[in-house]
Amino acid sequence: MPHFVIHHHHAATECPVAFAAWRGYSSPLRHGVTVASCAFGGHELWWTVDAASEPEALALLPRYVAERSRAIQVGQVEVP
């Protein structure tokens, strides 16, 4: 199964809306923990997920969040 990092960005004024968008949205990511920079002024969040494709990875997010996100396929690499 392909592995993706989902990167989401919103403006500081959109922070309440970005979090409220999860209400009522059924996703394995809901009520989970991820890393974010909102508390430090960056207003970005990142999730690491397994999904069959980029659209399926983004479908894990509510529409408002997904429209402001990128799903980037990643894999492990050995650093010399």
N, C-alpha and C. Protein backbone atom coordinates (compact mmCIF):
# COMPACT_ATOMS: atom_id res chain seq x y z
N MET A 1 0.86 -1.18 0.00
CA MET A 1 0.00 0.00 0.00
C MET A 1 0.91 1.24 0.00
N PRO A 2 0.69 2.18 -0.91
CA PRO A 2 1.48 3.41 -0.93
C PRO A 2 1.34 4.21 0.37
N HIS A 3 2.38 4.92 0.68
CA HIS A 3 2.48 5.72 1.90
C HIS A 3 2.50 7.20 1.49
N PHE A 4 1.73 8.04 2.18
CA PHE A 4 1.65 9.47 1.85
C PHE A 4 1.86 10.32 3.09
N VAL A 5 2.44 11.48 2.89
CA VAL A 5 2.41 12.55 3.89
C VAL A 5 1.43 13.57 3.34
N ILE A 6 0.41 13.87 4.15
CA ILE A 6 -0.55 14.90 3.76
C ILE A 6 -0.12 16.18 4.44
N HIS A 7 0.05 17.23 3.65
CA HIS A 7 0.45 18.54 4.17
C HIS A 7 -0.72 19.50 3.98
N HIS A 8 -1.17 20.07 5.08
CA HIS A 8 -2.28 21.01 5.06
C HIS A 8 -1.81 22.38 5.54
N HIS A 9 -2.29 23.42 4.88
CA HIS A 9 -1.97 24.80 5.29
C HIS A 9 -3.25 25.64 5.25
N HIS A 10 -3.43 26.44 6.27
CA HIS A 10 -4.54 27.40 6.29
C HIS A 10 -4.05 28.70 6.90
N ALA A 11 -4.76 29.78 6.65
CA ALA A 11 -4.42 31.08 7.23
C ALA A 11 -4.77 31.09 8.71
N ALA A 12 -4.15 31.95 9.46
CA ALA A 12 -4.43 32.05 10.89
C ALA A 12 -5.91 32.30 11.16
N THR A 13 -6.54 33.08 10.33
CA THR A 13 -7.96 33.38 10.52
C THR A 13 -8.85 32.18 10.22
N GLU A 14 -8.32 31.19 9.49
CA GLU A 14 -9.08 29.99 9.14
C GLU A 14 -8.92 28.86 10.15
N CYS A 15 -8.09 29.04 11.16
CA CYS A 15 -7.82 27.97 12.13
C CYS A 15 -9.10 27.40 12.74
N PRO A 16 -10.00 28.23 13.27
CA PRO A 16 -11.22 27.66 13.87
C PRO A 16 -12.05 26.86 12.87
N VAL A 17 -12.13 27.32 11.63
CA VAL A 17 -12.91 26.64 10.61
C VAL A 17 -12.26 25.31 10.24
N ALA A 18 -10.93 25.30 10.12
CA ALA A 18 -10.21 24.08 9.76
C ALA A 18 -10.45 22.97 10.79
N PHE A 19 -10.50 23.32 12.05
CA PHE A 19 -10.73 22.32 13.09
C PHE A 19 -12.22 21.97 13.19
N ALA A 20 -13.09 22.93 13.00
CA ALA A 20 -14.53 22.67 13.05
C ALA A 20 -14.97 21.77 11.89
N ALA A 21 -14.24 21.78 10.79
CA ALA A 21 -14.61 20.97 9.62
C ALA A 21 -14.64 19.48 9.94
N TRP A 22 -13.95 19.07 10.99
CA TRP A 22 -13.91 17.65 11.36
C TRP A 22 -15.19 17.19 12.04
N ARG A 23 -15.97 18.11 12.58
CA ARG A 23 -17.20 17.72 13.28
C ARG A 23 -18.11 16.94 12.35
N GLY A 24 -18.47 15.75 12.76
CA GLY A 24 -19.38 14.93 11.99
C GLY A 24 -18.76 14.22 10.80
N TYR A 25 -17.45 14.43 10.55
CA TYR A 25 -16.79 13.78 9.42
C TYR A 25 -16.21 12.44 9.87
N SER A 26 -16.59 11.37 9.21
CA SER A 26 -16.13 10.04 9.58
C SER A 26 -14.79 9.76 8.90
N SER A 27 -13.74 9.61 9.70
CA SER A 27 -12.40 9.36 9.18
C SER A 27 -11.58 8.69 10.27
N PRO A 28 -10.69 7.78 9.89
CA PRO A 28 -9.80 7.20 10.89
C PRO A 28 -8.83 8.24 11.49
N LEU A 29 -8.71 9.39 10.84
CA LEU A 29 -7.84 10.45 11.36
C LEU A 29 -8.52 11.29 12.44
N ARG A 30 -9.84 11.25 12.47
CA ARG A 30 -10.59 12.06 13.45
C ARG A 30 -10.31 11.57 14.85
N HIS A 31 -10.14 12.47 15.77
CA HIS A 31 -9.83 12.22 17.18
C HIS A 31 -8.42 11.66 17.36
N GLY A 32 -7.62 11.70 16.31
CA GLY A 32 -6.25 11.23 16.40
C GLY A 32 -5.31 12.38 16.74
N VAL A 33 -4.05 12.07 16.81
CA VAL A 33 -3.01 13.05 17.11
C VAL A 33 -2.11 13.18 15.89
N THR A 34 -1.74 14.40 15.56
CA THR A 34 -0.79 14.64 14.48
C THR A 34 0.09 15.81 14.86
N VAL A 35 1.02 16.18 14.03
CA VAL A 35 1.87 17.33 14.30
C VAL A 35 1.30 18.55 13.59
N ALA A 36 1.44 19.69 14.22
CA ALA A 36 0.92 20.94 13.68
C ALA A 36 1.76 22.11 14.16
N SER A 37 1.69 23.19 13.41
CA SER A 37 2.44 24.39 13.79
C SER A 37 1.53 25.55 14.17
N CYS A 38 0.22 25.30 14.29
CA CYS A 38 -0.74 26.37 14.59
C CYS A 38 -0.38 27.14 15.87
N ALA A 39 0.03 26.44 16.90
CA ALA A 39 0.35 27.09 18.17
C ALA A 39 1.60 27.96 18.07
N PHE A 40 2.34 27.80 16.98
CA PHE A 40 3.59 28.54 16.82
C PHE A 40 3.54 29.51 15.65
N GLY A 41 2.34 29.73 15.09
CA GLY A 41 2.16 30.72 14.04
C GLY A 41 2.26 30.19 12.62
N GLY A 42 2.51 28.89 12.44
CA GLY A 42 2.70 28.36 11.08
C GLY A 42 1.42 27.93 10.40
N HIS A 43 0.43 27.48 11.15
CA HIS A 43 -0.87 27.05 10.63
C HIS A 43 -0.76 26.00 9.54
N GLU A 44 0.02 24.96 9.85
CA GLU A 44 0.20 23.81 8.98
C GLU A 44 0.04 22.54 9.81
N LEU A 45 -0.49 21.49 9.19
CA LEU A 45 -0.63 20.19 9.82
C LEU A 45 -0.10 19.13 8.86
N TRP A 46 0.38 18.01 9.41
CA TRP A 46 0.89 16.91 8.62
C TRP A 46 0.36 15.59 9.17
N TRP A 47 -0.08 14.73 8.27
CA TRP A 47 -0.49 13.37 8.62
C TRP A 47 0.31 12.42 7.76
N THR A 48 0.63 11.25 8.31
CA THR A 48 1.25 10.17 7.55
C THR A 48 0.20 9.07 7.44
N VAL A 49 -0.14 8.69 6.21
CA VAL A 49 -1.22 7.73 6.00
C VAL A 49 -0.84 6.71 4.92
N ASP A 50 -1.52 5.58 4.95
CA ASP A 50 -1.44 4.60 3.88
C ASP A 50 -2.74 4.72 3.09
N ALA A 51 -2.62 4.80 1.78
CA ALA A 51 -3.80 4.93 0.91
C ALA A 51 -3.42 4.41 -0.47
N ALA A 52 -4.41 3.98 -1.22
CA ALA A 52 -4.16 3.43 -2.55
C ALA A 52 -3.72 4.50 -3.56
N SER A 53 -4.11 5.76 -3.31
CA SER A 53 -3.80 6.83 -4.26
C SER A 53 -3.85 8.18 -3.53
N GLU A 54 -3.39 9.22 -4.22
CA GLU A 54 -3.45 10.57 -3.67
C GLU A 54 -4.90 10.98 -3.39
N PRO A 55 -5.85 10.76 -4.32
CA PRO A 55 -7.24 11.13 -4.02
C PRO A 55 -7.79 10.38 -2.80
N GLU A 56 -7.42 9.11 -2.64
CA GLU A 56 -7.90 8.36 -1.48
C GLU A 56 -7.28 8.89 -0.19
N ALA A 57 -6.04 9.32 -0.25
CA ALA A 57 -5.41 9.91 0.93
C ALA A 57 -6.14 11.20 1.31
N LEU A 58 -6.43 12.05 0.34
CA LEU A 58 -7.11 13.31 0.62
C LEU A 58 -8.56 13.09 1.08
N ALA A 59 -9.16 11.96 0.66
CA ALA A 59 -10.53 11.66 1.08
C ALA A 59 -10.62 11.36 2.57
N LEU A 60 -9.49 11.17 3.23
CA LEU A 60 -9.48 10.98 4.69
C LEU A 60 -9.75 12.28 5.42
N LEU A 61 -9.71 13.39 4.69
CA LEU A 61 -9.89 14.72 5.28
C LEU A 61 -11.25 15.28 4.90
N PRO A 62 -11.84 16.11 5.77
CA PRO A 62 -13.05 16.82 5.36
C PRO A 62 -12.74 17.74 4.18
N ARG A 63 -13.74 18.01 3.35
CA ARG A 63 -13.51 18.78 2.11
C ARG A 63 -12.76 20.09 2.35
N TYR A 64 -13.16 20.87 3.35
CA TYR A 64 -12.51 22.16 3.60
C TYR A 64 -11.01 21.98 3.83
N VAL A 65 -10.65 20.96 4.58
CA VAL A 65 -9.24 20.69 4.88
C VAL A 65 -8.54 20.13 3.64
N ALA A 66 -9.18 19.19 2.96
CA ALA A 66 -8.58 18.56 1.78
C ALA A 66 -8.28 19.57 0.67
N GLU A 67 -9.17 20.54 0.50
CA GLU A 67 -8.97 21.54 -0.56
C GLU A 67 -7.74 22.41 -0.31
N ARG A 68 -7.23 22.40 0.89
CA ARG A 68 -6.05 23.20 1.25
C ARG A 68 -4.86 22.30 1.57
N SER A 69 -4.90 21.07 1.03
CA SER A 69 -3.88 20.07 1.37
C SER A 69 -3.27 19.46 0.12
N ARG A 70 -2.09 18.87 0.32
CA ARG A 70 -1.41 18.08 -0.71
C ARG A 70 -1.11 16.72 -0.12
N ALA A 71 -1.28 15.67 -0.88
CA ALA A 71 -0.86 14.33 -0.47
C ALA A 71 0.38 13.98 -1.30
N ILE A 72 1.47 13.72 -0.62
CA ILE A 72 2.75 13.48 -1.28
C ILE A 72 3.15 12.05 -1.01
N GLN A 73 3.31 11.25 -2.08
CA GLN A 73 3.72 9.87 -1.88
C GLN A 73 5.17 9.85 -1.43
N VAL A 74 5.46 9.05 -0.40
CA VAL A 74 6.79 8.97 0.17
C VAL A 74 7.15 7.51 0.40
N GLY A 75 8.41 7.27 0.61
CA GLY A 75 8.92 5.95 0.96
C GLY A 75 10.20 6.10 1.74
N GLN A 76 10.61 5.01 2.34
CA GLN A 76 11.84 5.05 3.13
C GLN A 76 13.04 5.05 2.21
N VAL A 77 14.06 5.71 2.65
CA VAL A 77 15.32 5.76 1.91
C VAL A 77 16.44 5.72 2.94
N GLU A 78 17.50 5.04 2.60
CA GLU A 78 18.66 4.99 3.48
C GLU A 78 19.53 6.20 3.20
N VAL A 79 19.84 6.93 4.24
CA VAL A 79 20.68 8.12 4.11
C VAL A 79 22.13 7.68 4.33
N PRO A 80 23.00 7.93 3.36
CA PRO A 80 24.40 7.50 3.50
C PRO A 80 25.15 8.33 4.53
